Protein backbone atom coordinates (compact mmCIF):
# COMPACT_ATOMS: atom_id res chain seq x y z
CA MET A 1 27.84 38.32 66.75
CA SER A 2 26.67 35.47 68.94
CA GLY A 3 23.59 37.50 69.87
CA TYR A 4 22.78 37.90 66.19
CA ARG A 5 23.09 34.14 65.67
CA MET A 6 20.94 33.37 68.67
CA GLY A 7 18.25 35.89 67.66
CA TRP A 8 18.01 34.81 64.04
CA PRO A 9 16.22 31.47 64.66
CA ILE A 10 13.87 33.18 67.10
CA ARG A 11 12.90 35.80 64.54
CA THR A 12 12.56 33.11 61.86
CA VAL A 13 10.19 31.12 64.06
CA SER A 14 8.23 34.27 64.85
CA VAL A 15 7.80 35.12 61.17
CA GLY A 16 6.77 31.53 60.47
CA LEU A 17 4.18 31.65 63.22
CA ILE A 18 2.76 34.89 61.87
CA ILE A 19 2.50 33.42 58.36
CA CYS A 20 0.77 30.32 59.69
CA LEU A 21 -1.58 32.44 61.75
CA LEU A 22 -2.49 34.59 58.75
CA SER A 23 -3.04 31.48 56.66
CA LEU A 24 -5.35 30.06 59.29
CA ILE A 25 -7.26 33.32 59.46
CA GLY A 26 -7.60 33.35 55.66
CA TYR A 27 -8.72 29.72 55.69
CA ARG A 28 -11.20 30.50 58.46
CA ASP A 29 -12.55 33.47 56.48
CA ALA A 30 -12.88 31.35 53.35
CA ILE A 31 -14.78 28.71 55.28
CA HIS A 32 -16.95 31.41 56.78
CA ALA A 33 -17.63 32.95 53.36
CA ASN A 34 -18.62 29.59 51.92
CA ALA A 35 -20.87 28.94 54.90
CA ILE A 36 -22.78 32.21 54.48
CA SER A 37 -26.49 31.65 54.12
CA VAL A 38 -27.66 32.98 50.76
CA ARG A 39 -30.67 35.30 50.88
CA PHE A 40 -33.23 35.26 48.06
CA GLU A 41 -35.72 38.08 47.63
CA ASN A 42 -37.95 35.92 45.48
CA GLN A 43 -39.23 32.59 46.79
CA ARG A 44 -39.82 31.26 43.29
CA LEU A 45 -36.18 31.78 42.38
CA GLU A 46 -35.15 30.00 45.57
CA SER A 47 -37.40 27.07 44.62
CA VAL A 48 -35.75 26.83 41.19
CA VAL A 49 -32.30 26.94 42.76
CA ARG A 50 -33.22 24.25 45.30
CA GLN A 51 -34.50 22.03 42.51
CA GLU A 52 -31.28 22.50 40.53
CA LEU A 53 -29.16 21.78 43.62
CA ASN A 54 -31.40 18.89 44.66
CA LYS A 55 -31.62 20.49 48.10
CA PRO A 56 -35.31 20.75 49.07
CA ALA A 57 -34.62 21.95 52.63
CA GLY A 58 -31.94 23.51 54.78
CA LEU A 59 -29.79 26.58 54.34
CA ILE A 60 -28.41 27.33 50.91
CA THR A 61 -24.83 28.50 51.29
CA ALA A 62 -22.41 30.33 49.03
CA ALA A 63 -20.61 27.01 48.61
CA ASP A 64 -23.85 25.46 47.36
CA MET A 65 -24.36 28.31 44.90
CA ALA A 66 -20.82 27.90 43.59
CA LYS A 67 -21.82 24.43 42.37
CA LEU A 68 -24.40 25.85 39.96
CA GLU A 69 -23.37 25.87 36.32
CA SER A 70 -26.83 26.12 34.77
CA LEU A 71 -30.17 27.51 35.93
CA SER A 72 -33.44 27.35 34.03
CA ALA A 73 -36.92 28.70 34.81
CA ASN A 74 -39.97 29.30 32.63
CA GLN A 75 -43.14 31.12 33.71
CA ASN A 76 -42.10 31.11 37.35
CA HIS A 77 -43.04 34.76 38.02
CA ILE A 78 -39.52 35.48 39.20
CA THR A 79 -39.21 39.14 40.11
CA SER A 80 -35.68 39.33 41.54
CA LEU A 81 -32.33 37.70 40.79
CA LYS A 82 -31.00 38.54 44.27
CA GLY A 83 -29.02 35.56 45.52
CA LEU A 84 -27.56 34.61 42.16
CA GLU A 85 -24.54 36.83 42.84
CA HIS A 86 -23.14 33.83 44.75
CA ALA A 87 -23.40 31.53 41.70
CA VAL A 88 -19.86 32.43 40.67
CA ASN A 89 -19.47 29.43 38.34
CA LEU A 90 -22.79 29.84 36.53
CA LYS A 91 -22.40 29.42 32.77
CA LYS A 92 -25.99 29.29 31.54
CA LEU A 93 -28.92 31.38 32.81
CA TYR A 94 -32.39 30.85 31.36
CA ILE A 95 -35.28 32.76 32.95
CA VAL A 96 -38.14 33.55 30.58
CA ASN A 97 -41.74 34.72 30.89
CA SER A 98 -41.08 36.30 34.28
CA LYS A 99 -40.85 39.77 35.80
CA VAL A 100 -37.13 40.34 36.19
CA SER A 101 -36.09 44.00 35.92
CA ASP A 102 -32.80 44.38 37.82
CA LEU A 103 -29.74 42.63 36.37
CA SER A 104 -27.23 43.87 38.95
CA PRO A 105 -27.11 40.53 40.88
CA ILE A 106 -25.52 38.83 37.86
CA SER A 107 -23.06 41.62 37.04
CA GLY A 108 -20.16 39.74 38.66
CA LEU A 109 -20.83 36.30 37.17
CA HIS A 110 -17.89 36.32 34.79
CA GLN A 111 -18.23 32.65 33.81
CA LEU A 112 -21.56 33.24 32.10
CA GLU A 113 -21.62 32.15 28.49
CA SER A 114 -25.36 32.11 27.77
CA ILE A 115 -28.00 34.53 29.11
CA ILE A 116 -31.61 34.06 28.03
CA LEU A 117 -34.05 36.49 29.66
CA THR A 118 -36.84 36.60 27.09
CA ASP A 119 -40.13 38.26 28.11
CA ASN A 120 -39.23 40.07 31.32
CA LYS A 121 -39.35 43.71 32.50
CA ILE A 122 -35.77 44.73 31.75
CA THR A 123 -34.97 48.33 30.85
CA ASP A 124 -31.32 48.70 31.92
CA ILE A 125 -28.65 46.30 30.64
CA ARG A 126 -25.59 48.14 31.98
CA PRO A 127 -24.91 45.40 34.59
CA LEU A 128 -23.94 43.09 31.70
CA SER A 129 -21.00 45.26 30.62
CA GLY A 130 -18.23 43.13 32.19
CA LEU A 131 -19.52 39.72 31.11
CA ASN A 132 -17.03 39.14 28.33
CA LYS A 133 -17.50 35.38 27.95
CA VAL A 134 -21.14 35.64 26.89
CA THR A 135 -21.69 34.24 23.40
CA THR A 136 -25.50 33.96 23.48
CA LEU A 137 -27.66 36.82 24.73
CA MET A 138 -31.43 36.80 24.29
CA LEU A 139 -33.28 39.83 25.67
CA ASP A 140 -36.28 39.87 23.36
CA ARG A 141 -39.70 41.00 24.67
CA ASN A 142 -38.41 43.52 27.18
CA TYR A 143 -38.39 47.33 27.47
CA ILE A 144 -34.83 48.13 26.44
CA SER A 145 -34.04 51.32 24.53
CA ASP A 146 -30.31 51.90 25.18
CA ILE A 147 -27.94 49.12 24.05
CA THR A 148 -24.65 51.04 24.39
CA THR A 149 -23.42 48.41 26.88
CA LEU A 150 -23.29 45.77 24.16
CA GLN A 151 -20.41 47.41 22.30
CA SER A 152 -17.95 45.84 24.76
CA MET A 153 -19.44 42.33 24.52
CA THR A 154 -17.41 41.33 21.48
CA SER A 155 -17.65 37.58 22.16
CA LEU A 156 -21.33 37.59 21.22
CA VAL A 157 -22.27 35.12 18.49
CA ASN A 158 -26.04 34.95 18.96
CA LEU A 159 -28.00 38.10 19.88
CA ASN A 160 -31.77 38.58 20.10
CA LEU A 161 -33.16 42.04 20.92
CA SER A 162 -36.51 41.74 19.18
CA MET A 163 -39.64 43.43 20.56
CA ASN A 164 -37.99 46.20 22.56
CA LEU A 165 -37.88 50.00 22.20
CA ILE A 166 -34.59 50.28 20.31
CA SER A 167 -34.00 52.89 17.64
CA ASP A 168 -30.19 53.25 17.59
CA ILE A 169 -28.06 50.15 16.91
CA GLN A 170 -24.69 51.86 16.39
CA ALA A 171 -23.41 50.02 19.49
CA LEU A 172 -23.57 46.75 17.56
CA SER A 173 -20.89 47.72 15.05
CA PRO A 174 -17.94 46.27 17.07
CA LEU A 175 -19.63 42.85 17.34
CA LYS A 176 -17.76 41.24 14.47
CA ASN A 177 -18.31 37.69 15.75
CA LEU A 178 -22.09 37.78 15.44
CA LYS A 179 -23.54 34.96 13.36
CA ARG A 180 -27.20 35.34 14.29
CA LEU A 181 -28.85 38.72 14.94
CA GLU A 182 -32.54 39.26 15.67
CA ILE A 183 -33.61 42.88 16.15
CA GLY A 184 -37.15 42.78 14.81
CA ASP A 185 -40.14 44.74 16.09
CA ASN A 186 -38.22 47.82 17.22
CA PHE A 187 -37.94 51.39 15.92
CA ILE A 188 -34.81 51.06 13.79
CA LYS A 189 -34.34 53.10 10.61
CA ASP A 190 -30.59 52.89 9.96
CA ILE A 191 -28.80 49.51 9.67
CA SER A 192 -25.47 50.78 8.32
CA SER A 193 -23.72 49.68 11.53
CA LEU A 194 -24.23 46.05 10.45
CA GLU A 195 -22.31 46.17 7.18
CA GLN A 196 -18.98 44.98 8.67
CA MET A 197 -20.48 41.83 10.22
CA SER A 198 -18.86 39.44 7.77
CA MET A 199 -19.73 36.34 9.81
CA LEU A 200 -23.46 37.07 10.03
CA THR A 201 -25.55 34.22 8.61
CA TYR A 202 -29.03 35.01 9.98
CA LEU A 203 -30.51 38.52 10.14
CA ASP A 204 -34.04 39.29 11.32
CA LEU A 205 -35.14 42.92 10.87
CA PHE A 206 -38.91 42.48 10.71
CA GLY A 207 -41.28 45.16 11.95
CA ASN A 208 -38.99 48.20 12.01
CA LEU A 209 -38.91 51.51 10.12
CA ILE A 210 -36.31 50.49 7.54
CA SER A 211 -36.48 51.59 3.91
CA ASP A 212 -32.84 51.22 2.83
CA ILE A 213 -31.19 47.78 3.07
CA SER A 214 -28.10 48.62 0.99
CA SER A 215 -25.84 47.68 3.92
CA VAL A 216 -26.73 43.98 3.61
CA ARG A 217 -24.87 43.72 0.29
CA HIS A 218 -21.65 43.40 2.32
CA LEU A 219 -22.90 40.42 4.36
CA ASN A 220 -21.49 37.67 2.18
CA ALA A 221 -22.10 34.86 4.72
CA LEU A 222 -25.80 35.68 5.03
CA TYR A 223 -28.21 32.86 4.16
CA SER A 224 -31.43 34.04 5.84
CA LEU A 225 -32.87 37.57 5.75
CA ASP A 226 -36.17 38.87 7.11
CA VAL A 227 -37.16 42.46 6.26
CA SER A 228 -40.92 41.92 6.50
CA ASN A 229 -43.16 44.73 7.78
CA ASN A 230 -40.76 47.50 6.77
CA LYS A 231 -40.81 50.22 4.11
CA VAL A 232 -38.38 48.29 1.93
CA SER A 233 -39.07 48.46 -1.81
CA ASP A 234 -35.76 47.59 -3.50
CA LEU A 235 -34.11 44.15 -3.23
CA THR A 236 -31.12 44.99 -5.42
CA PRO A 237 -28.69 44.83 -2.45
CA VAL A 238 -29.36 41.09 -2.00
CA GLN A 239 -28.87 39.96 -5.61
CA HIS A 240 -25.31 38.70 -5.10
CA LEU A 241 -25.91 37.05 -1.72
CA SER A 242 -26.22 33.28 -1.35
CA LEU A 243 -29.55 33.44 0.44
CA ILE A 244 -31.50 30.29 1.22
CA GLY A 245 -34.56 32.13 2.52
CA ILE A 246 -35.94 35.68 2.40
CA GLU A 247 -39.05 37.23 4.01
CA ILE A 248 -40.55 40.36 2.46
CA THR A 249 -44.23 40.22 3.45
CA GLY A 250 -45.63 43.59 4.51
CA THR A 251 -43.11 45.54 2.42
CA ASP A 252 -43.43 47.67 -0.71
CA VAL A 253 -41.50 45.21 -2.86
CA THR A 254 -43.10 44.54 -6.24
CA ASP A 255 -40.06 43.40 -8.23
CA LEU A 256 -38.29 40.10 -7.48
CA SER A 257 -35.83 40.27 -10.38
CA PRO A 258 -32.84 40.62 -7.98
CA LEU A 259 -33.68 37.10 -6.78
CA ALA A 260 -34.04 35.53 -10.20
CA GLY A 261 -30.38 34.65 -10.63
CA SER A 262 -30.03 32.88 -7.28
CA ASP A 263 -29.13 29.19 -7.33
CA THR A 264 -29.31 28.85 -3.53
CA LEU A 265 -32.75 30.29 -2.73
CA THR A 266 -35.31 27.71 -1.59
CA ALA A 267 -37.89 29.76 0.36
CA ILE A 268 -39.63 33.09 -0.26
CA TYR A 269 -42.18 34.74 2.01
CA ALA A 270 -43.92 37.48 0.00
CA ASN A 271 -47.26 39.13 -0.71
CA VAL A 272 -47.64 37.57 -4.15
CA SER A 273 -50.70 39.68 -5.03
CA SER A 274 -48.59 42.85 -4.73
CA LEU A 275 -45.92 41.69 -7.20
CA ASN A 276 -45.61 42.79 -10.80
CA ALA A 277 -46.42 40.37 -13.64
CA SER A 278 -42.88 39.13 -14.25
CA SER A 279 -42.35 38.54 -10.52
CA LYS A 280 -45.60 36.55 -10.29
CA ALA A 281 -44.37 34.40 -13.17
CA PHE A 282 -41.06 33.94 -11.35
CA ILE A 283 -42.94 32.82 -8.20
CA ASN A 284 -45.00 30.31 -10.18
CA GLN A 285 -41.86 28.79 -11.70
CA PHE A 286 -40.16 28.86 -8.30
CA LYS A 287 -43.00 26.75 -6.87
CA THR A 288 -43.00 24.46 -9.89
CA ASP A 289 -39.32 23.79 -9.22
CA GLY A 290 -40.31 22.46 -5.80
CA HIS A 291 -39.39 25.48 -3.71
CA PHE A 292 -41.39 27.02 -0.88
CA VAL A 293 -43.54 30.16 -1.14
CA ASP A 294 -45.71 31.61 1.63
CA ASP A 295 -47.60 34.89 1.78
CA ASN A 296 -48.92 34.63 5.33
CA PHE A 297 -48.60 37.84 7.29
CA ARG A 298 -46.13 37.79 10.18
CA TYR A 299 -47.57 39.40 13.29
CA THR A 300 -45.77 42.44 14.59
CA THR A 301 -46.60 44.91 17.34
CA PRO A 302 -48.76 47.69 15.84
CA LYS A 303 -46.93 50.97 15.46
CA ILE A 304 -48.55 54.32 16.14
CA PHE A 305 -47.38 57.41 14.28
CA ILE A 306 -48.40 60.84 15.52
CA ASN A 307 -47.60 63.63 13.07
CA GLN A 308 -45.34 61.16 11.19
CA GLU A 309 -43.27 60.24 14.25
CA ALA A 310 -43.35 56.66 15.55
CA GLN A 311 -44.33 56.63 19.22
CA LYS A 312 -42.91 54.46 21.98
CA PHE A 313 -45.42 53.38 24.62
CA PRO A 314 -44.69 52.13 28.16
CA VAL A 315 -46.51 48.94 27.23
CA PRO A 316 -46.79 47.81 23.59
CA PRO A 317 -49.95 48.46 21.57
CA VAL A 318 -51.88 45.27 20.80
CA GLN A 319 -54.61 44.10 18.47
CA ASN A 320 -57.91 43.21 20.09
CA ASN A 321 -60.90 42.16 17.95
CA GLY A 322 -59.34 43.89 14.99
CA ARG A 323 -58.78 47.10 16.95
CA ILE A 324 -55.49 48.60 18.10
CA MET A 325 -55.39 49.14 21.84
CA VAL A 326 -52.94 51.69 23.29
CA PRO A 327 -52.15 53.05 26.77
CA LEU A 328 -54.60 55.87 27.42
CA ARG A 329 -52.37 58.34 29.25
CA GLY A 330 -49.75 58.61 26.50
CA LEU A 331 -52.40 59.00 23.82
CA LEU A 332 -54.19 61.79 25.66
CA GLU A 333 -50.94 63.68 26.25
CA TRP A 334 -50.30 63.74 22.51
CA ILE A 335 -53.79 64.88 21.51
CA GLY A 336 -54.07 67.30 24.43
CA ALA A 337 -57.14 65.80 26.11
CA ASP A 338 -57.97 65.68 29.84
CA PHE A 339 -59.10 62.66 31.80
CA SER A 340 -60.19 61.62 35.27
CA TRP A 341 -60.48 58.19 36.88
CA ASN A 342 -63.24 56.91 39.16
CA GLY A 343 -61.88 53.92 41.05
CA GLN A 344 -65.28 52.88 42.46
CA SER A 345 -67.10 52.73 39.14
CA ARG A 346 -63.93 51.85 37.23
CA GLN A 347 -64.74 54.53 34.70
CA VAL A 348 -62.53 56.94 32.79
CA VAL A 349 -63.88 60.34 31.76
CA LEU A 350 -62.14 61.93 28.75
CA LYS A 351 -62.64 65.55 27.70
CA HIS A 352 -61.43 67.47 24.68
CA GLU A 353 -62.70 70.78 23.31
CA GLY A 354 -66.28 70.33 24.52
CA SER A 355 -66.58 66.61 23.77
CA GLN A 356 -66.75 63.96 26.48
CA ILE A 357 -66.27 60.20 26.45
CA ILE A 358 -66.98 57.95 29.43
CA LEU A 359 -65.36 54.52 29.23
CA SER A 360 -66.02 51.64 31.60
CA ILE A 361 -63.23 49.10 32.13
CA ASP A 362 -64.06 45.64 30.73
CA SER A 363 -67.29 46.94 29.21
CA ASN A 364 -68.41 47.52 25.63
CA GLU A 365 -70.70 50.33 26.71
CA VAL A 366 -69.49 53.94 26.36
CA ILE A 367 -71.17 57.30 26.76
CA VAL A 368 -70.35 59.98 24.20
CA ASN A 369 -71.65 63.45 24.96
CA GLY A 370 -74.41 61.96 27.12
CA LYS A 371 -75.48 59.27 24.63
CA LYS A 372 -74.82 55.55 25.10
CA GLN A 373 -72.95 53.65 22.42
CA THR A 374 -71.43 50.20 22.04
CA ILE A 375 -67.86 49.54 20.96
CA ASP A 376 -66.42 46.20 19.86
CA ALA A 377 -63.19 46.37 21.86
CA LYS A 378 -63.49 46.69 25.63
CA PRO A 379 -61.05 48.94 27.52
CA TYR A 380 -58.97 46.96 30.00
CA ILE A 381 -56.07 47.39 32.41
CA SER A 382 -52.67 45.85 31.62
CA GLU A 383 -49.67 46.23 33.93
CA GLY A 384 -51.27 49.28 35.52
CA TYR A 385 -52.10 51.00 32.22
CA THR A 386 -55.59 51.55 30.85
CA MET A 387 -55.71 50.22 27.29
CA VAL A 388 -58.23 51.81 24.94
CA PRO A 389 -59.15 51.53 21.23
CA ILE A 390 -57.17 54.33 19.59
CA ARG A 391 -59.37 54.78 16.54
CA PHE A 392 -62.59 55.26 18.50
CA ILE A 393 -61.00 57.82 20.84
CA VAL A 394 -59.26 59.98 18.25
CA GLU A 395 -62.10 59.98 15.71
CA THR A 396 -64.64 60.85 18.40
CA PHE A 397 -62.48 63.86 19.26
CA GLY A 398 -62.31 64.88 15.62
CA PHE A 399 -58.79 63.80 14.68
CA ARG A 400 -57.88 62.04 11.45
CA ILE A 401 -56.32 58.59 11.56
CA GLU A 402 -55.09 56.45 8.67
CA TRP A 403 -54.50 52.73 8.73
CA ASP A 404 -51.68 50.87 6.93
CA LYS A 405 -53.03 47.32 6.71
CA LYS A 406 -49.83 46.02 5.18
CA ARG A 407 -47.72 46.80 8.25
CA TYR A 408 -50.30 47.32 11.01
CA TRP A 409 -49.41 50.99 11.34
CA ALA A 410 -51.85 53.64 12.57
CA MET A 411 -51.03 57.20 11.52
CA LEU A 412 -52.62 60.03 13.48
CA SER A 413 -52.47 63.71 12.66
CA THR A 414 -53.11 66.28 15.39
CA LYS A 415 -52.38 69.27 13.17
């Protein structure tokens, strides 16, 4: 018994020493972790971080990064977010007009509330799946096609996915807290997944492939709607909404009678010349009452249809001197033409069923079947892709192309 009593304090002291030792080791490891030098792959990102930390020189440590709550950069040519994984308390991230493609460094930043990555090179948004505090997410002007990840981000209030490659928006249906949604200039046909968004006040759908907007009749909080540059023709679904503004330029709408009973509407964007007589009279009275009317066309990325199917390009088609320029390789694959590239002369040789076109980069001069011609839109290289005037190429090779001026759509038939 006495041995037990004598041994008990010794064992107690031993356990206490072990606990203290483990605590010291943990403390040492924590100090070591905070003292780790943070490595940035991109010097421009490091410069932005240093400016935010007010630390122009010296090592940047994990402890330094933990102090960051906001980071902002515009046109800094940032290519990598590596290093931001240590910014564990970051709440706002704003990096626009850059070249970011990999979002994995921010996948563990669970304090993020606002992510603005407009105009980058993003294709994969899966790293965002666990960021459940994010209320504002702006990923417009990227190369995103799959938005399945967003279905778990139910805290979102403000979402911008305009100017991407999105066709399926079913993943948005669980986002019941959305108040502002911008998904213009994509390839969307079906918007039925939006009809349960009872809190939505602002909806931008411009420049898609939408013809049926019946789902918007359920959006009772909506005050601003943009369906411009779509195949919409019937506005009946909006007649009971308390809209303040509506944009319908570049649509097939001719009848504005569903708007006539509104006592909230103050702004209409419409192609007045395309309206029927009663709707033109309504517009005149609307302006007389001091309200705003505008029929200016809203620019959207030109869409190319081949055999009635809208095509997605690796870089977006653009307008150049009134001509639509598209990436050459994709176009030739669809029409079945061959091409070769001469790096020294910077010329492209195109061949199709006995016809030949020789294009020179940044030159208006072309050679068609051995004869020189001049075109009004020079071929050029953008992000590694050769951009060429689609109409000149396809008509020279004997294909038929139609032009929808209302929506800036080019429709090519290869059959």
